[in-house]
């Protein structure tokens, strides 16, 4: 079972789509301008992009309702996601609507509503 982390402007649990959500055209411009990405085209229409600078070559996939999704595996992938999120003026969010940020201790998971729990480090900086 996979767990996706998204670069998004959309809250997963909002029923109305964000009118400013990331478009495929916007994402593909960012990916095509980045020499670390290459097209991963299976002939199904829109292209996904593979991060060729990473040894596992993770696939960054576009989802209409959410933005760009990837299976989070390590600190390098997280750093790349934060880099892209900055270019797209977006946030990094998980399938359960938890958010992620890069701190001086590592990748921190937190909730928009603090009553849902305190922030926790999910990937230490030294990984």
Protein backbone atom coordinates (compact mmCIF):
# COMPACT_ATOMS: atom_id res chain seq x y z
CA UNK A 1 0.00 0.00 0.00
CA UNK A 2 1.32 3.42 -0.98
CA UNK A 3 0.93 6.71 0.77
CA UNK A 4 1.09 9.81 -1.37
CA UNK A 5 2.36 13.18 -0.33
CA UNK A 6 1.14 16.08 -2.47
CA UNK A 7 2.35 19.48 -3.55
CA UNK A 8 -0.98 21.26 -3.52
CA UNK A 9 -3.07 24.34 -2.98
CA UNK A 10 -6.13 22.20 -2.28
CA UNK A 11 -7.21 20.91 1.12
CA UNK A 12 -8.07 17.25 0.71
CA UNK A 13 -11.22 17.46 2.82
CA UNK A 14 -12.72 20.57 1.24
CA UNK A 15 -15.65 19.67 -0.97
CA UNK A 16 -15.29 22.73 -3.22
CA UNK A 17 -12.24 22.82 -5.47
CA UNK A 18 -9.80 25.65 -4.93
CA UNK A 19 -10.09 27.98 -7.96
CA UNK A 20 -6.33 28.55 -7.68
CA UNK A 21 -5.35 24.87 -7.61
CA UNK A 22 -2.24 23.79 -9.48
CA UNK A 23 -2.92 23.10 -13.14
CA UNK A 24 -1.18 20.47 -15.24
CA UNK A 25 0.19 23.20 -17.51
CA UNK A 26 1.69 25.04 -14.53
CA UNK A 27 3.27 21.84 -13.16
CA UNK A 28 4.66 20.74 -16.53
CA UNK A 29 6.32 24.15 -17.07
CA UNK A 30 8.11 23.82 -13.72
CA UNK A 31 9.14 20.21 -14.37
CA UNK A 32 10.29 20.82 -17.94
CA UNK A 33 12.44 23.76 -16.79
CA UNK A 34 14.18 21.58 -14.19
CA UNK A 35 17.08 19.60 -15.70
CA UNK A 36 16.73 16.98 -12.93
CA UNK A 37 13.38 15.81 -14.35
CA UNK A 38 12.70 13.75 -17.42
CA UNK A 39 9.41 12.90 -19.07
CA UNK A 40 7.91 9.55 -18.16
CA UNK A 41 5.38 9.14 -20.96
CA UNK A 42 3.40 5.95 -21.28
CA UNK A 43 1.40 7.29 -24.22
CA UNK A 44 -1.68 7.95 -22.13
CA UNK A 45 -1.95 11.65 -22.84
CA UNK A 46 -0.48 13.79 -20.13
CA UNK A 47 3.09 13.15 -19.11
CA UNK A 48 4.39 12.46 -15.64
CA UNK A 49 7.93 13.33 -14.68
CA UNK A 50 10.63 11.15 -13.21
CA UNK A 51 13.24 12.73 -10.93
CA UNK A 52 16.35 11.33 -12.60
CA UNK A 53 18.76 12.92 -10.10
CA UNK A 54 17.55 10.52 -7.39
CA UNK A 55 18.85 6.91 -7.40
CA UNK A 56 15.29 5.50 -7.17
CA UNK A 57 14.01 7.80 -9.95
CA UNK A 58 10.71 8.53 -8.18
CA UNK A 59 7.72 9.46 -10.29
CA UNK A 60 6.11 12.84 -9.67
CA UNK A 61 2.52 12.34 -10.85
CA UNK A 62 -0.13 14.96 -11.55
CA UNK A 63 -3.61 14.55 -10.06
CA UNK A 64 -6.36 16.92 -11.24
CA UNK A 65 -7.94 17.34 -7.82
CA UNK A 66 -4.73 17.65 -5.79
CA UNK A 67 -1.67 18.72 -7.74
CA UNK A 68 1.61 16.82 -7.81
CA UNK A 69 1.90 13.57 -5.86
CA UNK A 70 4.84 11.36 -5.00
CA UNK A 71 5.38 8.48 -2.61
CA UNK A 72 7.51 9.99 0.15
CA UNK A 73 10.54 7.86 0.87
CA UNK A 74 13.48 9.92 2.04
CA UNK A 75 14.87 13.34 2.90
CA UNK A 76 16.06 14.02 -0.66
CA UNK A 77 12.56 13.53 -2.07
CA UNK A 78 11.12 15.74 0.66
CA UNK A 79 13.63 18.51 -0.10
CA UNK A 80 12.72 18.32 -3.80
CA UNK A 81 9.03 18.53 -2.93
CA UNK A 82 9.60 21.63 -0.80
CA UNK A 83 11.64 23.19 -3.62
CA UNK A 84 8.81 22.60 -6.12
CA UNK A 85 6.14 23.72 -3.66
CA UNK A 86 8.00 27.03 -3.32
CA UNK A 87 7.98 27.51 -7.10
CA UNK A 88 4.26 26.73 -7.26
CA UNK A 89 3.32 28.78 -4.16
CA UNK A 90 1.88 25.61 -2.65
CA UNK A 91 2.17 23.44 0.45
CA UNK A 92 3.23 19.83 1.03
CA UNK A 93 0.33 17.77 2.38
CA UNK A 94 -0.41 14.09 2.98
CA UNK A 95 -3.47 12.02 2.12
CA UNK A 96 -4.88 12.55 5.62
CA UNK A 97 -4.63 16.34 5.27
CA UNK A 98 -1.56 16.56 7.48
CA UNK A 99 0.99 19.15 6.41
CA UNK A 100 4.75 18.96 6.19
CA UNK A 101 7.48 21.55 6.59
CA UNK A 102 11.25 21.50 6.62
CA UNK A 103 12.76 22.61 9.93
CA UNK A 104 16.28 22.68 11.31
CA UNK A 105 15.55 19.22 12.86
CA UNK A 106 14.11 17.55 9.76
CA UNK A 107 10.76 17.12 8.05
CA UNK A 108 8.01 17.95 10.50
CA UNK A 109 4.43 16.77 10.19
CA UNK A 110 1.81 19.11 11.62
CA UNK A 111 -1.90 19.74 11.47
CA UNK A 112 -3.52 22.98 10.37
CA UNK A 113 -5.66 22.79 13.51
CA UNK A 114 -3.29 22.52 16.52
CA UNK A 115 -5.97 20.69 18.51
CA UNK A 116 -5.40 17.69 16.20
CA UNK A 117 -2.01 17.09 17.84
CA UNK A 118 1.47 18.48 18.24
CA UNK A 119 4.00 18.58 15.39
CA UNK A 120 6.22 15.53 15.09
CA UNK A 121 9.47 14.89 13.22
CA UNK A 122 8.85 12.22 10.60
CA UNK A 123 12.25 12.28 8.89
CA UNK A 124 15.28 13.49 10.84
CA UNK A 125 17.57 15.93 9.04
CA UNK A 126 20.49 13.48 9.05
CA UNK A 127 18.67 10.83 6.94
